[in-house]
Amino acid sequence: MKHDSPEFAAIAERGTILRCQVGSGLHGTAVAGQDDRDEMGLCVEPAEYVAGLRRFEQYLFRTQPDGVRSGPGDLDLIVYSLRKWMRLALTGNPTVLLPLFVPDKEIVRIDEFGRELRANAERIVSRKAGLRFLGYSRAQRAHLTGERPPRLNRPELIEKYGFDTKYAMHMVRLGVQGVELLETGKITLPVPEPWGSWLRDLRQGRHSRLEALEVARDLEDRLERLIGGASPLPEEPDTAWADAWLVEAYQASWRAAA
């Protein structure tokens, strides 16, 4: 299935209910002149792609061709089917949850359904999200310790600092945001101080690999305690509400487009 086809581009354009920035610029961890722009959208696909033989799950757009790293000024965009996005969000996928919490200035496009979705974030978020944040943080820490094969996406950082500082920064960021989410039900964007400055310093080699690993481990311990019951969030998301809301949103969108 060609997720970057003109057919899928048209579906995404017509049906988008929410589109926003989700990358380093959103988190406040970007370094001037070094980052591309990552955006995520949610769209309601036409009825024939739900009830018929055709299927739409996501549309992808990259300024650069496949296999070429994005650079400053490039755009990486993914627009999910609203149904697929909701399934991922209910499991607590860290990146997928971001559109629920982005500040208004980072929103590229939104309609009444997008606003309604953001207003019901507390129905979607649960302690299950903590498991996803914890899993991603542990996996990234294992790559940095050598327990898993190291990632070599940014050899220039490894040559300069001895380790992939951007990868390490994202590892710690996941812990910071996961703890905040399980403690408060929200993710503050960009990452507030003092963590914002700490993460930017780590990315620029002002903290060691060992410091990053120790901080990540401490945050993982906090996440474990929150997942175990210290968090005020419900153990499971409100899937009954999500199911009913999806049906209503799709039917209303199809009526409006008829």
C-alpha atoms as a PDB file:
ATOM      1  CA  MET A   1       0.000   0.000   0.000  1.00  0.00           C
ATOM      2  CA  LYS A   2       1.451   3.369  -1.055  1.00  0.00           C
ATOM      3  CA  HIS A   3       0.923   5.631   1.923  1.00  0.00           C
ATOM      4  CA  ASP A   4       2.317   8.626   0.026  1.00  0.00           C
ATOM      5  CA  SER A   5       0.042   8.371  -3.035  1.00  0.00           C
ATOM      6  CA  PRO A   6      -1.935  11.332  -4.461  1.00  0.00           C
ATOM      7  CA  GLU A   7      -5.103   9.423  -3.564  1.00  0.00           C
ATOM      8  CA  PHE A   8      -4.131   9.307   0.120  1.00  0.00           C
ATOM      9  CA  ALA A   9      -2.925  12.926   0.027  1.00  0.00           C
ATOM     10  CA  ALA A  10      -6.395  14.015  -1.119  1.00  0.00           C
ATOM     11  CA  ILE A  11      -8.104  11.987   1.623  1.00  0.00           C
ATOM     12  CA  ALA A  12      -5.861  13.501   4.265  1.00  0.00           C
ATOM     13  CA  GLU A  13      -6.396  17.039   2.955  1.00  0.00           C
ATOM     14  CA  ARG A  14     -10.185  16.791   2.800  1.00  0.00           C
ATOM     15  CA  GLY A  15     -10.699  14.942   6.066  1.00  0.00           C
ATOM     16  CA  THR A  16      -8.185  16.457   8.490  1.00  0.00           C
ATOM     17  CA  ILE A  17      -9.703  17.419  11.849  1.00  0.00           C
ATOM     18  CA  LEU A  18      -6.421  18.213  13.634  1.00  0.00           C
ATOM     19  CA  ARG A  19      -2.842  18.795  12.516  1.00  0.00           C
ATOM     20  CA  CYS A  20       0.036  20.039  14.634  1.00  0.00           C
ATOM     21  CA  GLN A  21       3.776  19.997  15.228  1.00  0.00           C
ATOM     22  CA  VAL A  22       5.122  16.975  17.166  1.00  0.00           C
ATOM     23  CA  GLY A  23       8.930  17.168  16.849  1.00  0.00           C
ATOM     24  CA  SER A  24      11.836  18.745  18.697  1.00  0.00           C
ATOM     25  CA  GLY A  25      10.485  22.212  18.012  1.00  0.00           C
ATOM     26  CA  LEU A  26       7.382  21.314  20.003  1.00  0.00           C
ATOM     27  CA  HIS A  27       9.368  19.806  22.881  1.00  0.00           C
ATOM     28  CA  GLY A  28      11.677  22.820  23.044  1.00  0.00           C
ATOM     29  CA  THR A  29      14.733  20.626  22.488  1.00  0.00           C
ATOM     30  CA  ALA A  30      15.625  21.797  18.995  1.00  0.00           C
ATOM     31  CA  VAL A  31      19.063  23.225  18.224  1.00  0.00           C
ATOM     32  CA  ALA A  32      18.979  26.219  15.886  1.00  0.00           C
ATOM     33  CA  GLY A  33      19.620  25.256  12.289  1.00  0.00           C
ATOM     34  CA  GLN A  34      19.808  21.509  12.919  1.00  0.00           C
ATOM     35  CA  ASP A  35      16.238  20.190  12.931  1.00  0.00           C
ATOM     36  CA  ASP A  36      13.540  19.382  10.441  1.00  0.00           C
ATOM     37  CA  ARG A  37       9.848  19.851  11.254  1.00  0.00           C
ATOM     38  CA  ASP A  38       7.675  16.905  12.258  1.00  0.00           C
ATOM     39  CA  GLU A  39       3.901  17.189  12.048  1.00  0.00           C
ATOM     40  CA  MET A  40       1.030  14.811  12.781  1.00  0.00           C
ATOM     41  CA  GLY A  41      -2.539  14.955  11.534  1.00  0.00           C
ATOM     42  CA  LEU A  42      -5.763  13.068  12.205  1.00  0.00           C
ATOM     43  CA  CYS A  43      -8.370  12.669   9.479  1.00  0.00           C
ATOM     44  CA  VAL A  44     -11.777  11.123   8.882  1.00  0.00           C
ATOM     45  CA  GLU A  45     -11.529   8.960   5.768  1.00  0.00           C
ATOM     46  CA  PRO A  46     -14.523   8.585   3.393  1.00  0.00           C
ATOM     47  CA  ALA A  47     -17.161   5.929   4.140  1.00  0.00           C
ATOM     48  CA  GLU A  48     -16.048   3.678   1.285  1.00  0.00           C
ATOM     49  CA  TYR A  49     -12.620   3.334   2.956  1.00  0.00           C
ATOM     50  CA  VAL A  50     -14.316   2.072   6.115  1.00  0.00           C
ATOM     51  CA  ALA A  51     -17.162  -0.095   4.796  1.00  0.00           C
ATOM     52  CA  GLY A  52     -15.836  -0.934   1.325  1.00  0.00           C
ATOM     53  CA  LEU A  53     -12.887  -2.861  -0.009  1.00  0.00           C
ATOM     54  CA  ARG A  54     -10.428   0.020   0.004  1.00  0.00           C
ATOM     55  CA  ARG A  55      -8.544   0.987   3.144  1.00  0.00           C
ATOM     56  CA  PHE A  56      -6.856   4.115   4.457  1.00  0.00           C
ATOM     57  CA  GLU A  57      -4.758   4.057   7.613  1.00  0.00           C
ATOM     58  CA  GLN A  58      -2.252   6.858   7.119  1.00  0.00           C
ATOM     59  CA  TYR A  59      -0.756   9.297   4.665  1.00  0.00           C
ATOM     60  CA  LEU A  60       2.983  10.033   4.692  1.00  0.00           C
ATOM     61  CA  PHE A  61       4.834  13.003   3.247  1.00  0.00           C
ATOM     62  CA  ARG A  62       8.566  13.679   3.418  1.00  0.00           C
ATOM     63  CA  THR A  63      10.452  16.496   1.758  1.00  0.00           C
ATOM     64  CA  GLN A  64      13.351  14.100   1.262  1.00  0.00           C
ATOM     65  CA  PRO A  65      13.033  10.785  -0.601  1.00  0.00           C
ATOM     66  CA  ASP A  66      13.032   7.486   1.282  1.00  0.00           C
ATOM     67  CA  GLY A  67      16.437   6.621   2.672  1.00  0.00           C
ATOM     68  CA  VAL A  68      17.613  10.238   2.869  1.00  0.00           C
ATOM     69  CA  ARG A  69      17.786  11.863   6.311  1.00  0.00           C
ATOM     70  CA  SER A  70      15.678  14.937   6.812  1.00  0.00           C
ATOM     71  CA  GLY A  71      17.530  18.161   7.460  1.00  0.00           C
ATOM     72  CA  PRO A  72      16.878  21.773   8.438  1.00  0.00           C
ATOM     73  CA  GLY A  73      13.759  23.123   6.744  1.00  0.00           C
ATOM     74  CA  ASP A  74      12.436  19.701   5.698  1.00  0.00           C
ATOM     75  CA  LEU A  75       8.945  18.509   6.627  1.00  0.00           C
ATOM     76  CA  ASP A  76       8.028  15.010   7.811  1.00  0.00           C
ATOM     77  CA  LEU A  77       4.237  14.629   8.002  1.00  0.00           C
ATOM     78  CA  ILE A  78       2.060  11.692   9.003  1.00  0.00           C
ATOM     79  CA  VAL A  79      -1.735  11.912   8.863  1.00  0.00           C
ATOM     80  CA  TYR A  80      -3.488   9.025  10.590  1.00  0.00           C
ATOM     81  CA  SER A  81      -6.968   7.742  10.049  1.00  0.00           C
ATOM     82  CA  LEU A  82      -8.845   8.935  13.135  1.00  0.00           C
ATOM     83  CA  ARG A  83      -9.719   5.317  13.949  1.00  0.00           C
ATOM     84  CA  LYS A  84      -6.087   4.204  13.788  1.00  0.00           C
ATOM     85  CA  TRP A  85      -4.941   7.222  15.798  1.00  0.00           C
ATOM     86  CA  MET A  86      -7.480   6.465  18.515  1.00  0.00           C
ATOM     87  CA  ARG A  87      -6.379   2.830  18.748  1.00  0.00           C
ATOM     88  CA  LEU A  88      -2.754   3.912  19.204  1.00  0.00           C
ATOM     89  CA  ALA A  89      -3.672   6.696  21.646  1.00  0.00           C
ATOM     90  CA  LEU A  90      -5.665   4.344  23.865  1.00  0.00           C
ATOM     91  CA  THR A  91      -2.566   2.178  24.264  1.00  0.00           C
ATOM     92  CA  GLY A  92      -0.629   5.260  25.415  1.00  0.00           C
ATOM     93  CA  ASN A  93       1.766   5.688  22.476  1.00  0.00           C
ATOM     94  CA  PRO A  94       3.898   8.684  23.564  1.00  0.00           C
ATOM     95  CA  THR A  95       4.126  10.474  20.206  1.00  0.00           C
ATOM     96  CA  VAL A  96       0.523   9.781  19.234  1.00  0.00           C
ATOM     97  CA  LEU A  97      -0.716  11.402  22.471  1.00  0.00           C
ATOM     98  CA  LEU A  98       1.000  14.732  21.729  1.00  0.00           C
ATOM     99  CA  PRO A  99      -1.855  16.308  19.679  1.00  0.00           C
ATOM    100  CA  LEU A 100      -3.982  16.200  22.837  1.00  0.00           C
ATOM    101  CA  PHE A 101      -1.588  18.539  24.637  1.00  0.00           C
ATOM    102  CA  VAL A 102       0.100  20.821  22.092  1.00  0.00           C
ATOM    103  CA  PRO A 103      -0.335  24.546  22.769  1.00  0.00           C
ATOM    104  CA  ASP A 104      -2.635  26.393  20.381  1.00  0.00           C
ATOM    105  CA  LYS A 105       0.263  28.118  18.609  1.00  0.00           C
ATOM    106  CA  GLU A 106       1.566  24.723  17.434  1.00  0.00           C
ATOM    107  CA  ILE A 107      -1.742  23.754  15.800  1.00  0.00           C
ATOM    108  CA  VAL A 108      -1.684  24.030  12.015  1.00  0.00           C
ATOM    109  CA  ARG A 109      -5.332  23.094  11.466  1.00  0.00           C
ATOM    110  CA  ILE A 110      -8.295  22.132  13.658  1.00  0.00           C
ATOM    111  CA  ASP A 111     -12.080  21.832  13.415  1.00  0.00           C
ATOM    112  CA  GLU A 112     -14.892  21.167  15.879  1.00  0.00           C
ATOM    113  CA  PHE A 113     -14.059  17.457  16.116  1.00  0.00           C
ATOM    114  CA  GLY A 114     -10.400  18.186  16.788  1.00  0.00           C
ATOM    115  CA  ARG A 115     -11.346  20.618  19.547  1.00  0.00           C
ATOM    116  CA  GLU A 116     -13.770  18.101  21.052  1.00  0.00           C
ATOM    117  CA  LEU A 117     -11.106  15.401  21.014  1.00  0.00           C
ATOM    118  CA  ARG A 118      -8.592  17.613  22.822  1.00  0.00           C
ATOM    119  CA  ALA A 119     -11.246  18.529  25.398  1.00  0.00           C
ATOM    120  CA  ASN A 120     -11.642  14.832  26.265  1.00  0.00           C
ATOM    121  CA  ALA A 121      -7.992  13.930  26.759  1.00  0.00           C
ATOM    122  CA  GLU A 122      -8.699  12.609  30.259  1.00  0.00           C
ATOM    123  CA  ARG A 123     -10.897   9.866  28.753  1.00  0.00           C
ATOM    124  CA  ILE A 124      -8.049   8.653  26.528  1.00  0.00           C
ATOM    125  CA  VAL A 125      -5.092   8.793  28.915  1.00  0.00           C
ATOM    126  CA  SER A 126      -4.570   6.069  31.513  1.00  0.00           C
ATOM    127  CA  ARG A 127      -1.795   4.303  33.407  1.00  0.00           C
ATOM    128  CA  LYS A 128      -1.324   2.150  30.305  1.00  0.00           C
ATOM    129  CA  ALA A 129       0.548   5.122  28.846  1.00  0.00           C
ATOM    130  CA  GLY A 130       3.134   4.735  31.580  1.00  0.00           C
ATOM    131  CA  LEU A 131       3.951   1.256  30.327  1.00  0.00           C
ATOM    132  CA  ARG A 132       4.603   2.624  26.835  1.00  0.00           C
ATOM    133  CA  PHE A 133       6.795   5.486  28.067  1.00  0.00           C
ATOM    134  CA  LEU A 134       8.683   3.062  30.288  1.00  0.00           C
ATOM    135  CA  GLY A 135       9.158   0.551  27.477  1.00  0.00           C
ATOM    136  CA  TYR A 136      10.514   3.121  25.038  1.00  0.00           C
ATOM    137  CA  SER A 137      12.867   4.602  27.636  1.00  0.00           C
ATOM    138  CA  ARG A 138      14.241   1.196  28.564  1.00  0.00           C
ATOM    139  CA  ALA A 139      14.747   0.234  24.935  1.00  0.00           C
ATOM    140  CA  GLN A 140      16.659   3.418  24.199  1.00  0.00           C
ATOM    141  CA  ARG A 141      18.759   2.993  27.335  1.00  0.00           C
ATOM    142  CA  ALA A 142      19.621  -0.560  26.248  1.00  0.00           C
ATOM    143  CA  HIS A 143      20.910   0.760  22.920  1.00  0.00           C
ATOM    144  CA  LEU A 144      23.077   3.318  24.699  1.00  0.00           C
ATOM    145  CA  THR A 145      24.511   0.777  27.156  1.00  0.00           C
ATOM    146  CA  GLY A 146      25.258  -1.743  24.422  1.00  0.00           C
ATOM    147  CA  GLU A 147      22.753  -4.311  25.712  1.00  0.00           C
ATOM    148  CA  ARG A 148      21.191  -3.963  22.278  1.00  0.00           C
ATOM    149  CA  PRO A 149      23.011  -3.141  19.023  1.00  0.00           C
ATOM    150  CA  PRO A 150      23.752   0.593  19.005  1.00  0.00           C
ATOM    151  CA  ARG A 151      21.791   2.906  16.725  1.00  0.00           C
ATOM    152  CA  LEU A 152      24.033   4.602  14.164  1.00  0.00           C
ATOM    153  CA  ASN A 153      21.601   7.153  12.734  1.00  0.00           C
ATOM    154  CA  ARG A 154      23.789  10.115  13.686  1.00  0.00           C
ATOM    155  CA  PRO A 155      27.453   9.108  13.322  1.00  0.00           C
ATOM    156  CA  GLU A 156      28.488  12.765  13.375  1.00  0.00           C
ATOM    157  CA  LEU A 157      27.255  13.078  16.991  1.00  0.00           C
ATOM    158  CA  ILE A 158      29.012   9.886  18.026  1.00  0.00           C
ATOM    159  CA  GLU A 159      32.234  11.178  16.486  1.00  0.00           C
ATOM    160  CA  LYS A 160      31.894  14.556  18.218  1.00  0.00           C
ATOM    161  CA  TYR A 161      30.632  13.525  21.666  1.00  0.00           C
ATOM    162  CA  GLY A 162      31.285   9.789  21.907  1.00  0.00           C
ATOM    163  CA  PHE A 163      27.576   8.904  21.868  1.00  0.00           C
ATOM    164  CA  ASP A 164      24.370   9.910  20.073  1.00  0.00           C
ATOM    165  CA  THR A 165      23.383  12.859  22.247  1.00  0.00           C
ATOM    166  CA  LYS A 166      20.066  13.432  20.467  1.00  0.00           C
ATOM    167  CA  TYR A 167      19.066   9.820  21.028  1.00  0.00           C
ATOM    168  CA  ALA A 168      20.060  10.123  24.700  1.00  0.00           C
ATOM    169  CA  MET A 169      18.083  13.350  24.988  1.00  0.00           C
ATOM    170  CA  HIS A 170      14.923  11.656  23.710  1.00  0.00           C
ATOM    171  CA  MET A 171      15.463   8.812  26.195  1.00  0.00           C
ATOM    172  CA  VAL A 172      15.461  11.227  29.132  1.00  0.00           C
ATOM    173  CA  ARG A 173      12.632  13.317  27.647  1.00  0.00           C
ATOM    174  CA  LEU A 174      10.403  10.236  27.528  1.00  0.00           C
ATOM    175  CA  GLY A 175      11.007   9.664  31.224  1.00  0.00           C
ATOM    176  CA  VAL A 176      10.329  13.294  32.127  1.00  0.00           C
ATOM    177  CA  GLN A 177       7.096  13.445  30.140  1.00  0.00           C
ATOM    178  CA  GLY A 178       5.924  10.010  31.214  1.00  0.00           C
ATOM    179  CA  VAL A 179       6.285  10.922  34.890  1.00  0.00           C
ATOM    180  CA  GLU A 180       4.442  14.216  34.377  1.00  0.00           C
ATOM    181  CA  LEU A 181       1.624  12.507  32.483  1.00  0.00           C
ATOM    182  CA  LEU A 182       1.078   9.864  35.155  1.00  0.00           C
ATOM    183  CA  GLU A 183       1.252  12.425  37.947  1.00  0.00           C
ATOM    184  CA  THR A 184      -0.985  15.097  36.387  1.00  0.00           C
ATOM    185  CA  GLY A 185      -2.787  13.628  33.363  1.00  0.00           C
ATOM    186  CA  LYS A 186      -1.092  16.206  31.125  1.00  0.00           C
ATOM    187  CA  ILE A 187       2.119  16.811  29.181  1.00  0.00           C
ATOM    188  CA  THR A 188       3.470  20.360  29.306  1.00  0.00           C
ATOM    189  CA  LEU A 189       4.857  21.489  25.945  1.00  0.00           C
ATOM    190  CA  PRO A 190       7.522  22.632  25.470  1.00  0.00           C
ATOM    191  CA  VAL A 191       9.270  20.723  28.273  1.00  0.00           C
ATOM    192  CA  PRO A 192       9.316  23.126  31.243  1.00  0.00           C
ATOM    193  CA  GLU A 193      12.362  24.197  33.202  1.00  0.00           C
ATOM    194  CA  PRO A 194      14.646  23.029  34.619  1.00  0.00           C
ATOM    195  CA  TRP A 195      14.309  19.963  32.396  1.00  0.00           C
ATOM    196  CA  GLY A 196      14.128  21.933  29.144  1.00  0.00           C
ATOM    197  CA  SER A 197      17.584  23.411  29.604  1.00  0.00           C
ATOM    198  CA  TRP A 198      18.962  20.097  30.892  1.00  0.00           C
ATOM    199  CA  LEU A 199      17.775  18.270  27.776  1.00  0.00           C
ATOM    200  CA  ARG A 200      19.174  20.918  25.426  1.00  0.00           C
ATOM    201  CA  ASP A 201      22.492  20.776  27.270  1.00  0.00           C
ATOM    202  CA  LEU A 202      22.543  16.985  26.974  1.00  0.00           C
ATOM    203  CA  ARG A 203      21.907  17.217  23.249  1.00  0.00           C
ATOM    204  CA  GLN A 204      24.881  19.567  22.913  1.00  0.00           C
ATOM    205  CA  GLY A 205      27.235  17.287  24.864  1.00  0.00           C
ATOM    206  CA  ARG A 206      27.223  19.189  28.162  1.00  0.00           C
ATOM    207  CA  HIS A 207      26.150  16.082  30.092  1.00  0.00           C
ATOM    208  CA  SER A 208      27.900  12.743  29.864  1.00  0.00           C
ATOM    209  CA  ARG A 209      26.457   9.489  28.623  1.00  0.00           C
ATOM    210  CA  LEU A 210      26.706   8.137  32.191  1.00  0.00           C
ATOM    211  CA  GLU A 211      24.735  11.089  33.571  1.00  0.00           C
ATOM    212  CA  ALA A 212      22.013  10.549  30.977  1.00  0.00           C
ATOM    213  CA  LEU A 213      21.779   6.845  31.772  1.00  0.00           C
ATOM    214  CA  GLU A 214      21.548   7.479  35.522  1.00  0.00           C
ATOM    215  CA  VAL A 215      18.844  10.104  35.103  1.00  0.00           C
ATOM    216  CA  ALA A 216      16.876   7.843  32.765  1.00  0.00           C
ATOM    217  CA  ARG A 217      17.076   4.975  35.255  1.00  0.00           C
ATOM    218  CA  ASP A 218      15.801   7.204  38.079  1.00  0.00           C
ATOM    219  CA  LEU A 219      12.874   8.358  35.942  1.00  0.00           C
ATOM    220  CA  GLU A 220      12.075   4.762  35.031  1.00  0.00           C
ATOM    221  CA  ASP A 221      11.936   3.889  38.736  1.00  0.00           C
ATOM    222  CA  ARG A 222       9.455   6.733  39.280  1.00  0.00           C
ATOM    223  CA  LEU A 223       7.373   5.525  36.351  1.00  0.00           C
ATOM    224  CA  GLU A 224       7.257   2.014  37.789  1.00  0.00           C
ATOM    225  CA  ARG A 225       5.899   3.327  41.088  1.00  0.00           C
ATOM    226  CA  LEU A 226       3.279   5.432  39.315  1.00  0.00           C
ATOM    227  CA  ILE A 227       2.178   2.543  37.117  1.00  0.00           C
ATOM    228  CA  GLY A 228       1.951   0.346  40.190  1.00  0.00           C
ATOM    229  CA  GLY A 229      -0.760   2.507  41.720  1.00  0.00           C
ATOM    230  CA  ALA A 230       0.758   5.824  42.816  1.00  0.00           C
ATOM    231  CA  SER A 231      -0.682   7.578  39.753  1.00  0.00           C
ATOM    232  CA  PRO A 232      -4.150   9.177  40.038  1.00  0.00           C
ATOM    233  CA  LEU A 233      -4.937   8.130  36.454  1.00  0.00           C
ATOM    234  CA  PRO A 234      -7.361   5.270  35.790  1.00  0.00           C
ATOM    235  CA  GLU A 235      -5.872   1.880  35.073  1.00  0.00           C
ATOM    236  CA  GLU A 236      -7.608   1.715  31.681  1.00  0.00           C
ATOM    237  CA  PRO A 237      -8.837   4.355  29.201  1.00  0.00           C
ATOM    238  CA  ASP A 238     -12.545   4.939  28.584  1.00  0.00           C
ATOM    239  CA  THR A 239     -12.877   2.732  25.515  1.00  0.00           C
ATOM    240  CA  ALA A 240     -16.687   2.830  25.587  1.00  0.00           C
ATOM    241  CA  TRP A 241     -16.611   6.618  25.231  1.00  0.00           C
ATOM    242  CA  ALA A 242     -13.940   6.408  22.504  1.00  0.00           C
ATOM    243  CA  ASP A 243     -15.984   3.907  20.506  1.00  0.00           C
ATOM    244  CA  ALA A 244     -19.180   5.959  20.718  1.00  0.00           C
ATOM    245  CA  TRP A 245     -17.364   9.200  19.915  1.00  0.00           C
ATOM    246  CA  LEU A 246     -15.685   7.717  16.832  1.00  0.00           C
ATOM    247  CA  VAL A 247     -19.030   6.543  15.438  1.00  0.00           C
ATOM    248  CA  GLU A 248     -20.557   9.977  16.019  1.00  0.00           C
ATOM    249  CA  ALA A 249     -17.580  11.841  14.521  1.00  0.00           C
ATOM    250  CA  TYR A 250     -17.470   9.671  11.406  1.00  0.00           C
ATOM    251  CA  GLN A 251     -21.211   9.800  10.789  1.00  0.00           C
ATOM    252  CA  ALA A 252     -21.341  13.578  11.266  1.00  0.00           C
ATOM    253  CA  SER A 253     -18.362  14.104   8.959  1.00  0.00           C
ATOM    254  CA  TRP A 254     -19.862  11.925   6.244  1.00  0.00           C
ATOM    255  CA  ARG A 255     -23.193  13.771   6.472  1.00  0.00           C
ATOM    256  CA  ALA A 256     -21.441  17.118   6.166  1.00  0.00           C
ATOM    257  CA  ALA A 257     -19.504  15.919   3.101  1.00  0.00           C
ATOM    258  CA  ALA A 258     -22.573  14.499   1.320  1.00  0.00           C
END
